[in-house]
Amino acid sequence: MSERISVLGSTGSIGTQSLAVIKHLGLSVSSLAAGSNIRLLEEQARDFKPSLVAVFDENAARELKTKLSDTFVRVASGLEGIVEAAGDGSDTVITAMSGAAGLIPTMAAIEKKKRIALANKETLVCAGSIVMATAGKYGAEIIPVDSEHSAIFQCLNGQGGGLSRILLTASGGPFLGKSRAELQNVRKEDALRHPNWSMGRKITIDSATLMNKGLEYIEAMHLFGAAPERIKVLIHPQSVIHSMVEFTDGSVIAQCGLPDMKLPIQYALTYPKRLRSLTEAPDFTKSALTFLEPDLNAFPCLKTAMEVAKRGGTAAAVMNAANEEAVNLFLQDRIGFNEIYEKVVFALENVKSVKDANLEEILSADRQARELVRKA
């Protein structure tokens, strides 16, 4: 069980919920890291009294340093500061930074043999083979925080093998049942209204396009050593069953819970123990549980991610980077909803994929894809 925690991305949705869980469990915070939200970072620093706070934006870091001058909290800046926060005196690092920016700090924490409470799926999407091999080399423990991967992790505990298929569930997002033509002119305000989950803006848009499930598909491959053909996506609108595992004897084990990220966050911190949480158990008399096949014509981002999973190499890093940039453009009202997919495909067609890529080649592919989408 964890005792001292570093939270990377502490001002985001997962980060703030992680701190609520940490307070509930009575654990201590060693360091905090975020991008530029110094107002909230200052509040968190005064509340949790970490020894180090890292701010990616250097101007914001200077301002925060002044604001915290009456405390013993040290302020670091830039990527170097985030990496330092990842490798400090904690035993567990919650990697809740959004996007591919979480890759380098996560690798730094792995090399320090930390327990990684992994909430940054893009780390495994971009460099899953390298990350998992490095974790094996250093003996770092990776416990997934994504609700679906936490569910799979829990379903596999103590089963002694026999995995047949992973059944990866998805809510379907706010546009479940709509055709691609109907999605042509949807507004960002509509895309940001997720029916079940309260999440950050980027992941909420990814849930609307089903790209989030595509990223989770690739993440599951790396986390659980599963070939693509052994992972099936199911639409489950109620978000009560967070994922299931089918075994060779025909048994299926599911993990259920209310759609509340504090539950998988706590499990990643307390594993293998289970302690009373802030989340109630679901009442199965309240609603029926239903399942559907995903509509890959209406939501082609999922189909593309599943195809990219089979390609390997740097293709997943290109797809992820292009998607991050395209989502940002959509949130700025500069492109339409369906154009997110088109930007992703454009990048995949125009950035050369490298097989058996090293970390430098993965980061280069990421940069190329971003530049291409910004200029297109």
Protein backbone atom coordinates (compact mmCIF):
# COMPACT_ATOMS: atom_id res chain seq x y z
CA MET A 1 0.00 0.00 0.00
CA SER A 2 1.19 3.53 -0.82
CA GLU A 3 2.23 6.00 1.87
CA ARG A 4 3.86 9.01 0.19
CA ILE A 5 2.41 10.18 -3.11
CA SER A 6 3.54 12.40 -5.97
CA VAL A 7 0.69 13.73 -8.12
CA LEU A 8 1.62 14.76 -11.66
CA GLY A 9 -1.22 16.80 -13.13
CA SER A 10 -2.61 17.73 -9.73
CA THR A 11 -4.86 20.55 -10.98
CA GLY A 12 -6.72 18.45 -13.54
CA SER A 13 -9.81 16.32 -13.05
CA ILE A 14 -7.94 13.14 -12.07
CA GLY A 15 -5.41 15.11 -10.04
CA THR A 16 -8.00 16.87 -7.90
CA GLN A 17 -9.91 13.63 -7.36
CA SER A 18 -6.64 11.90 -6.43
CA LEU A 19 -5.99 14.50 -3.76
CA ALA A 20 -9.49 13.95 -2.37
CA VAL A 21 -8.73 10.22 -2.13
CA ILE A 22 -5.32 10.88 -0.55
CA LYS A 23 -6.96 13.09 2.09
CA HIS A 24 -9.64 10.45 2.71
CA LEU A 25 -6.98 7.75 3.22
CA GLY A 26 -4.78 9.96 5.39
CA LEU A 27 -1.74 9.61 3.12
CA SER A 28 0.96 12.24 2.64
CA VAL A 29 1.86 14.15 -0.50
CA SER A 30 5.53 14.37 -1.41
CA SER A 31 5.24 16.53 -4.54
CA LEU A 32 2.75 18.13 -6.89
CA ALA A 33 3.16 19.03 -10.56
CA ALA A 34 0.96 20.84 -13.04
CA GLY A 35 1.07 23.02 -16.15
CA SER A 36 0.19 26.59 -15.20
CA ASN A 37 -2.80 26.78 -12.84
CA ILE A 38 -0.98 28.46 -10.00
CA ARG A 39 -4.14 29.59 -8.19
CA LEU A 40 -5.18 26.00 -7.56
CA LEU A 41 -1.59 24.81 -7.12
CA GLU A 42 -1.06 27.33 -4.34
CA GLU A 43 -4.21 26.10 -2.59
CA GLN A 44 -3.07 22.48 -2.95
CA ALA A 45 0.45 23.28 -1.72
CA ARG A 46 -0.86 25.02 1.40
CA ASP A 47 -3.34 22.23 2.06
CA PHE A 48 -1.08 19.18 1.50
CA LYS A 49 2.33 20.74 2.33
CA PRO A 50 4.48 18.85 -0.21
CA SER A 51 8.22 19.38 -0.19
CA LEU A 52 8.20 20.19 -3.92
CA VAL A 53 5.79 21.76 -6.40
CA ALA A 54 6.71 21.75 -10.10
CA VAL A 55 5.13 24.02 -12.72
CA PHE A 56 5.75 23.39 -16.40
CA ASP A 57 5.24 27.05 -17.36
CA GLU A 58 8.33 28.91 -16.14
CA ASN A 59 6.62 32.30 -15.76
CA ALA A 60 3.87 30.71 -13.69
CA ALA A 61 6.53 28.95 -11.61
CA ARG A 62 8.18 32.26 -10.76
CA GLU A 63 4.84 33.70 -9.70
CA LEU A 64 4.05 30.66 -7.56
CA LYS A 65 7.46 30.82 -5.92
CA THR A 66 6.67 34.34 -4.75
CA LYS A 67 3.23 33.33 -3.50
CA LEU A 68 4.68 30.41 -1.50
CA SER A 69 7.66 32.35 -0.13
CA ASP A 70 6.19 32.15 3.38
CA THR A 71 6.24 28.32 3.28
CA PHE A 72 8.90 25.60 3.13
CA VAL A 73 7.62 24.40 -0.27
CA ARG A 74 10.26 24.44 -3.00
CA VAL A 75 9.12 25.40 -6.51
CA ALA A 76 10.71 23.91 -9.64
CA SER A 77 9.90 24.64 -13.27
CA GLY A 78 9.88 23.24 -16.79
CA LEU A 79 10.10 19.63 -17.86
CA GLU A 80 13.10 19.21 -15.55
CA GLY A 81 10.94 20.23 -12.60
CA ILE A 82 8.18 17.79 -13.56
CA VAL A 83 10.75 15.00 -13.90
CA GLU A 84 12.18 15.89 -10.50
CA ALA A 85 8.70 15.70 -8.97
CA ALA A 86 8.24 12.27 -10.55
CA GLY A 87 11.45 10.95 -9.04
CA ASP A 88 11.38 12.52 -5.58
CA GLY A 89 10.96 10.79 -2.19
CA SER A 90 7.53 9.29 -2.85
CA ASP A 91 6.79 5.58 -3.13
CA THR A 92 3.90 6.09 -5.60
CA VAL A 93 3.49 8.48 -8.52
CA ILE A 94 0.03 9.25 -9.89
CA THR A 95 0.61 10.12 -13.54
CA ALA A 96 -2.42 12.27 -14.31
CA MET A 97 -0.88 14.69 -16.80
CA SER A 98 -2.92 14.97 -19.99
CA GLY A 99 -1.54 13.71 -23.30
CA ALA A 100 1.89 12.63 -24.46
CA ALA A 101 3.50 15.17 -22.11
CA GLY A 102 3.25 12.52 -19.41
CA LEU A 103 5.64 10.10 -21.13
CA ILE A 104 9.02 11.45 -19.99
CA PRO A 105 8.02 12.01 -16.32
CA THR A 106 6.47 8.54 -16.19
CA MET A 107 9.66 6.98 -17.50
CA ALA A 108 11.62 8.91 -14.86
CA ALA A 109 9.37 7.53 -12.11
CA ILE A 110 9.71 4.00 -13.49
CA GLU A 111 13.50 4.25 -13.39
CA LYS A 112 13.22 5.21 -9.70
CA LYS A 113 11.28 1.95 -9.10
CA LYS A 114 8.10 3.74 -8.02
CA ARG A 115 4.62 2.31 -8.05
CA ILE A 116 2.99 4.00 -11.04
CA ALA A 117 -0.70 4.76 -10.62
CA LEU A 118 -1.18 5.20 -14.34
CA ALA A 119 -3.90 7.65 -15.35
CA ASN A 120 -2.08 8.87 -18.48
CA LYS A 121 -3.08 6.36 -21.17
CA GLU A 122 -1.13 8.23 -23.85
CA THR A 123 2.12 7.05 -22.24
CA LEU A 124 1.33 3.47 -23.20
CA VAL A 125 -0.31 4.40 -26.50
CA CYS A 126 2.85 6.17 -27.68
CA ALA A 127 5.53 3.95 -26.20
CA GLY A 128 3.87 0.94 -24.59
CA SER A 129 6.52 -1.62 -25.47
CA ILE A 130 9.33 0.58 -24.15
CA VAL A 131 7.43 1.58 -21.00
CA MET A 132 6.49 -1.99 -20.07
CA ALA A 133 9.99 -3.31 -20.79
CA THR A 134 11.52 -0.54 -18.67
CA ALA A 135 9.11 -1.27 -15.83
CA GLY A 136 10.15 -4.91 -15.96
CA LYS A 137 13.82 -3.97 -15.96
CA TYR A 138 13.58 -1.72 -12.89
CA GLY A 139 10.88 -3.65 -11.05
CA ALA A 140 8.42 -0.75 -11.11
CA GLU A 141 4.80 -1.68 -10.43
CA ILE A 142 2.21 -0.26 -12.86
CA ILE A 143 -1.35 -0.16 -11.51
CA PRO A 144 -3.89 1.27 -13.98
CA VAL A 145 -6.19 4.10 -12.91
CA ASP A 146 -8.40 4.23 -16.01
CA SER A 147 -11.66 2.70 -14.80
CA GLU A 148 -11.69 0.11 -17.60
CA HIS A 149 -8.12 -1.03 -17.10
CA SER A 150 -8.51 -1.05 -13.34
CA ALA A 151 -11.52 -3.30 -13.89
CA ILE A 152 -9.53 -5.68 -16.11
CA PHE A 153 -6.66 -5.67 -13.61
CA GLN A 154 -9.08 -6.59 -10.82
CA CYS A 155 -10.80 -9.29 -12.90
CA LEU A 156 -7.46 -10.95 -13.66
CA ASN A 157 -6.23 -10.97 -10.05
CA GLY A 158 -5.62 -14.51 -8.85
CA GLN A 159 -7.10 -16.19 -11.91
CA GLY A 160 -4.02 -18.23 -12.82
CA GLY A 161 -4.19 -17.61 -16.56
CA GLY A 162 -6.75 -18.82 -19.07
CA LEU A 163 -7.50 -15.40 -20.55
CA SER A 164 -9.59 -15.69 -23.70
CA ARG A 165 -10.79 -12.13 -24.36
CA ILE A 166 -10.87 -8.71 -22.78
CA LEU A 167 -14.31 -7.10 -23.07
CA LEU A 168 -13.58 -3.38 -22.96
CA THR A 169 -16.70 -1.35 -22.22
CA ALA A 170 -17.56 2.17 -23.42
CA SER A 171 -20.50 4.37 -22.50
CA GLY A 172 -20.94 5.50 -26.10
CA GLY A 173 -20.59 9.13 -25.09
CA PRO A 174 -23.10 11.95 -25.63
CA PHE A 175 -23.80 11.07 -29.27
CA LEU A 176 -24.69 7.40 -28.95
CA GLY A 177 -27.11 6.40 -31.73
CA LYS A 178 -26.33 9.31 -34.03
CA SER A 179 -25.08 8.84 -37.59
CA ARG A 180 -21.93 10.43 -38.97
CA ALA A 181 -24.07 12.84 -40.98
CA GLU A 182 -25.89 13.92 -37.81
CA LEU A 183 -22.54 14.60 -36.15
CA GLN A 184 -21.37 16.99 -38.86
CA ASN A 185 -22.46 20.19 -37.10
CA VAL A 186 -22.50 19.28 -33.41
CA ARG A 187 -21.19 21.99 -31.08
CA LYS A 188 -18.41 21.60 -28.55
CA GLU A 189 -20.92 22.40 -25.79
CA ASP A 190 -22.87 19.28 -26.78
CA ALA A 191 -19.71 17.17 -27.08
CA LEU A 192 -18.63 18.22 -23.59
CA ARG A 193 -21.86 16.93 -21.99
CA HIS A 194 -20.88 13.38 -21.12
CA PRO A 195 -23.92 11.45 -19.84
CA ASN A 196 -22.12 9.60 -17.02
CA TRP A 197 -18.62 10.86 -16.24
CA SER A 198 -17.21 14.18 -15.05
CA MET A 199 -13.83 14.52 -16.77
CA GLY A 200 -11.44 17.02 -18.32
CA ARG A 201 -12.30 18.67 -21.64
CA LYS A 202 -9.88 16.72 -23.82
CA ILE A 203 -10.86 13.27 -22.59
CA THR A 204 -14.55 14.24 -22.78
CA ILE A 205 -14.19 15.08 -26.48
CA ASP A 206 -12.26 11.83 -26.97
CA SER A 207 -15.19 10.01 -25.39
CA ALA A 208 -17.58 11.74 -27.80
CA THR A 209 -15.54 10.61 -30.85
CA LEU A 210 -14.81 7.19 -29.25
CA MET A 211 -11.10 7.89 -29.76
CA ASN A 212 -10.76 7.49 -26.01
CA LYS A 213 -11.85 3.88 -26.36
CA GLY A 214 -9.37 3.44 -29.20
CA LEU A 215 -6.58 4.73 -26.98
CA GLU A 216 -7.73 2.39 -24.21
CA TYR A 217 -7.74 -0.50 -26.68
CA ILE A 218 -4.04 0.08 -27.34
CA GLU A 219 -3.34 0.65 -23.65
CA ALA A 220 -4.96 -2.69 -22.78
CA MET A 221 -2.75 -4.48 -25.32
CA HIS A 222 0.39 -3.29 -23.56
CA LEU A 223 -0.81 -3.53 -19.96
CA PHE A 224 -2.10 -7.07 -20.25
CA GLY A 225 -0.01 -8.47 -23.09
CA ALA A 226 -3.13 -9.07 -25.18
CA ALA A 227 -3.12 -9.32 -28.98
CA PRO A 228 -5.62 -6.97 -30.72
CA GLU A 229 -7.89 -9.85 -31.75
CA ARG A 230 -8.32 -10.73 -28.07
CA ILE A 231 -9.84 -7.35 -27.19
CA LYS A 232 -13.48 -6.55 -27.97
CA VAL A 233 -15.14 -3.18 -27.45
CA LEU A 234 -18.73 -3.19 -26.16
CA ILE A 235 -20.98 -0.16 -25.76
CA HIS A 236 -22.48 -0.20 -22.25
CA PRO A 237 -24.47 3.04 -21.82
CA GLN A 238 -24.99 2.73 -18.05
CA SER A 239 -21.22 2.69 -17.20
CA VAL A 240 -21.79 0.30 -14.28
CA ILE A 241 -19.73 -2.60 -15.63
CA HIS A 242 -16.32 -1.05 -16.21
CA SER A 243 -14.95 -3.98 -18.20
CA MET A 244 -15.01 -7.77 -18.24
CA VAL A 245 -12.64 -10.66 -18.83
CA GLU A 246 -13.67 -13.83 -20.63
CA PHE A 247 -11.76 -17.02 -19.81
CA THR A 248 -11.12 -20.15 -21.83
CA ASP A 249 -13.64 -22.15 -19.80
CA GLY A 250 -16.44 -19.79 -20.86
CA SER A 251 -16.58 -17.88 -17.57
CA VAL A 252 -16.82 -14.09 -17.67
CA ILE A 253 -15.81 -11.96 -14.68
CA ALA A 254 -16.93 -8.32 -14.53
CA GLN A 255 -15.98 -5.45 -12.24
CA CYS A 256 -18.89 -3.16 -11.38
CA GLY A 257 -19.16 0.19 -9.67
CA LEU A 258 -20.69 3.64 -10.01
CA PRO A 259 -19.04 5.91 -12.62
CA ASP A 260 -16.71 7.62 -10.13
CA MET A 261 -12.97 7.86 -10.80
CA LYS A 262 -12.17 8.03 -7.09
CA LEU A 263 -12.75 4.28 -6.85
CA PRO A 264 -10.01 3.14 -9.31
CA ILE A 265 -7.71 5.88 -7.99
CA GLN A 266 -8.06 4.51 -4.45
CA TYR A 267 -7.54 0.92 -5.59
CA ALA A 268 -4.27 1.90 -7.31
CA LEU A 269 -3.06 3.45 -4.04
CA THR A 270 -4.22 0.71 -1.63
CA TYR A 271 -3.63 -2.40 -3.77
CA PRO A 272 -3.67 -5.23 -2.75
CA LYS A 273 -5.79 -3.98 0.15
CA ARG A 274 -9.36 -2.73 -0.14
CA LEU A 275 -10.42 0.04 2.23
CA ARG A 276 -13.66 1.94 2.66
CA SER A 277 -13.89 4.51 -0.11
CA LEU A 278 -15.76 7.72 -0.88
CA THR A 279 -17.90 5.84 -3.44
CA GLU A 280 -21.13 3.97 -2.77
CA ALA A 281 -21.85 0.57 -4.33
CA PRO A 282 -24.32 0.50 -7.26
CA ASP A 283 -27.97 -0.41 -6.73
CA PHE A 284 -28.69 -3.02 -9.40
CA THR A 285 -32.46 -2.56 -9.06
CA LYS A 286 -32.26 1.01 -10.37
CA SER A 287 -31.63 0.31 -14.07
CA ALA A 288 -31.15 -2.43 -16.63
CA LEU A 289 -27.65 -3.12 -17.95
CA THR A 290 -27.47 -3.17 -21.75
CA PHE A 291 -24.76 -3.76 -24.36
CA LEU A 292 -24.36 -2.80 -28.02
CA GLU A 293 -21.83 -3.17 -30.79
CA PRO A 294 -19.95 0.10 -31.52
CA ASP A 295 -20.94 1.93 -34.72
CA LEU A 296 -17.59 2.20 -36.50
CA ASN A 297 -19.12 4.14 -39.41
CA ALA A 298 -20.43 6.92 -37.19
CA PHE A 299 -17.33 6.85 -34.97
CA PRO A 300 -14.40 6.01 -37.27
CA CYS A 301 -11.78 7.17 -34.74
CA LEU A 302 -12.28 3.89 -32.89
CA LYS A 303 -11.87 1.86 -36.07
CA THR A 304 -8.69 3.76 -36.94
CA ALA A 305 -7.21 3.17 -33.49
CA MET A 306 -7.94 -0.55 -33.76
CA GLU A 307 -6.16 -0.64 -37.13
CA VAL A 308 -3.22 1.36 -35.75
CA ALA A 309 -2.93 -1.13 -32.88
CA LYS A 310 -2.11 -3.85 -35.43
CA ARG A 311 0.43 -1.67 -37.30
CA GLY A 312 2.68 -1.02 -34.32
CA GLY A 313 5.76 1.20 -34.56
CA THR A 314 5.28 4.95 -34.30
CA ALA A 315 1.80 4.93 -35.87
CA ALA A 316 0.08 5.09 -32.47
CA ALA A 317 2.22 8.08 -31.44
CA VAL A 318 1.30 9.85 -34.69
CA MET A 319 -2.38 9.10 -34.21
CA ASN A 320 -2.33 10.28 -30.59
CA ALA A 321 -0.46 13.51 -31.34
CA ALA A 322 -2.71 14.34 -34.31
CA ASN A 323 -5.78 13.68 -32.20
CA GLU A 324 -4.56 15.92 -29.37
CA GLU A 325 -3.97 18.78 -31.77
CA ALA A 326 -7.26 18.22 -33.63
CA VAL A 327 -9.25 18.14 -30.39
CA ASN A 328 -7.60 21.39 -29.37
CA LEU A 329 -8.64 22.95 -32.71
CA PHE A 330 -12.20 21.72 -32.21
CA LEU A 331 -12.31 23.21 -28.70
CA GLN A 332 -11.16 26.51 -30.24
CA ASP A 333 -14.05 26.33 -32.78
CA ARG A 334 -11.54 26.15 -35.64
CA ILE A 335 -12.64 22.79 -37.05
CA GLY A 336 -15.82 20.70 -36.97
CA PHE A 337 -16.41 17.55 -34.95
CA ASN A 338 -16.00 15.14 -37.87
CA GLU A 339 -12.79 16.90 -38.93
CA ILE A 340 -11.04 15.52 -35.84
CA TYR A 341 -11.00 12.11 -37.54
CA GLU A 342 -9.95 13.63 -40.86
CA LYS A 343 -6.95 15.35 -39.25
CA VAL A 344 -5.88 12.07 -37.63
CA VAL A 345 -6.05 10.20 -40.92
CA PHE A 346 -4.16 12.98 -42.70
CA ALA A 347 -1.30 12.71 -40.19
CA LEU A 348 -1.20 8.91 -40.41
CA GLU A 349 -0.96 9.15 -44.19
CA ASN A 350 1.79 11.77 -44.18
CA VAL A 351 4.11 10.92 -41.28
CA LYS A 352 6.34 7.95 -41.95
CA SER A 353 5.85 5.10 -39.50
CA VAL A 354 8.97 3.56 -37.94
CA LYS A 355 8.91 -0.06 -36.76
CA ASP A 356 10.72 -1.03 -33.55
CA ALA A 357 11.16 2.66 -32.74
CA ASN A 358 13.24 3.98 -29.87
CA LEU A 359 12.07 6.77 -27.57
CA GLU A 360 13.72 9.49 -29.66
CA GLU A 361 11.98 8.27 -32.82
CA ILE A 362 8.63 8.14 -31.01
CA LEU A 363 9.03 11.72 -29.78
CA SER A 364 10.06 12.82 -33.28
CA ALA A 365 6.93 11.22 -34.79
CA ASP A 366 4.85 12.99 -32.14
CA ARG A 367 6.36 16.37 -33.09
CA GLN A 368 5.93 15.79 -36.83
CA ALA A 369 2.26 14.88 -36.44
CA ARG A 370 1.55 17.94 -34.30
CA GLU A 371 3.23 20.31 -36.74
CA LEU A 372 1.36 18.78 -39.66
CA VAL A 373 -2.06 19.15 -38.04
CA ARG A 374 -1.37 22.72 -36.92
CA LYS A 375 -0.34 23.75 -40.43
CA ALA A 376 -2.98 21.83 -42.38
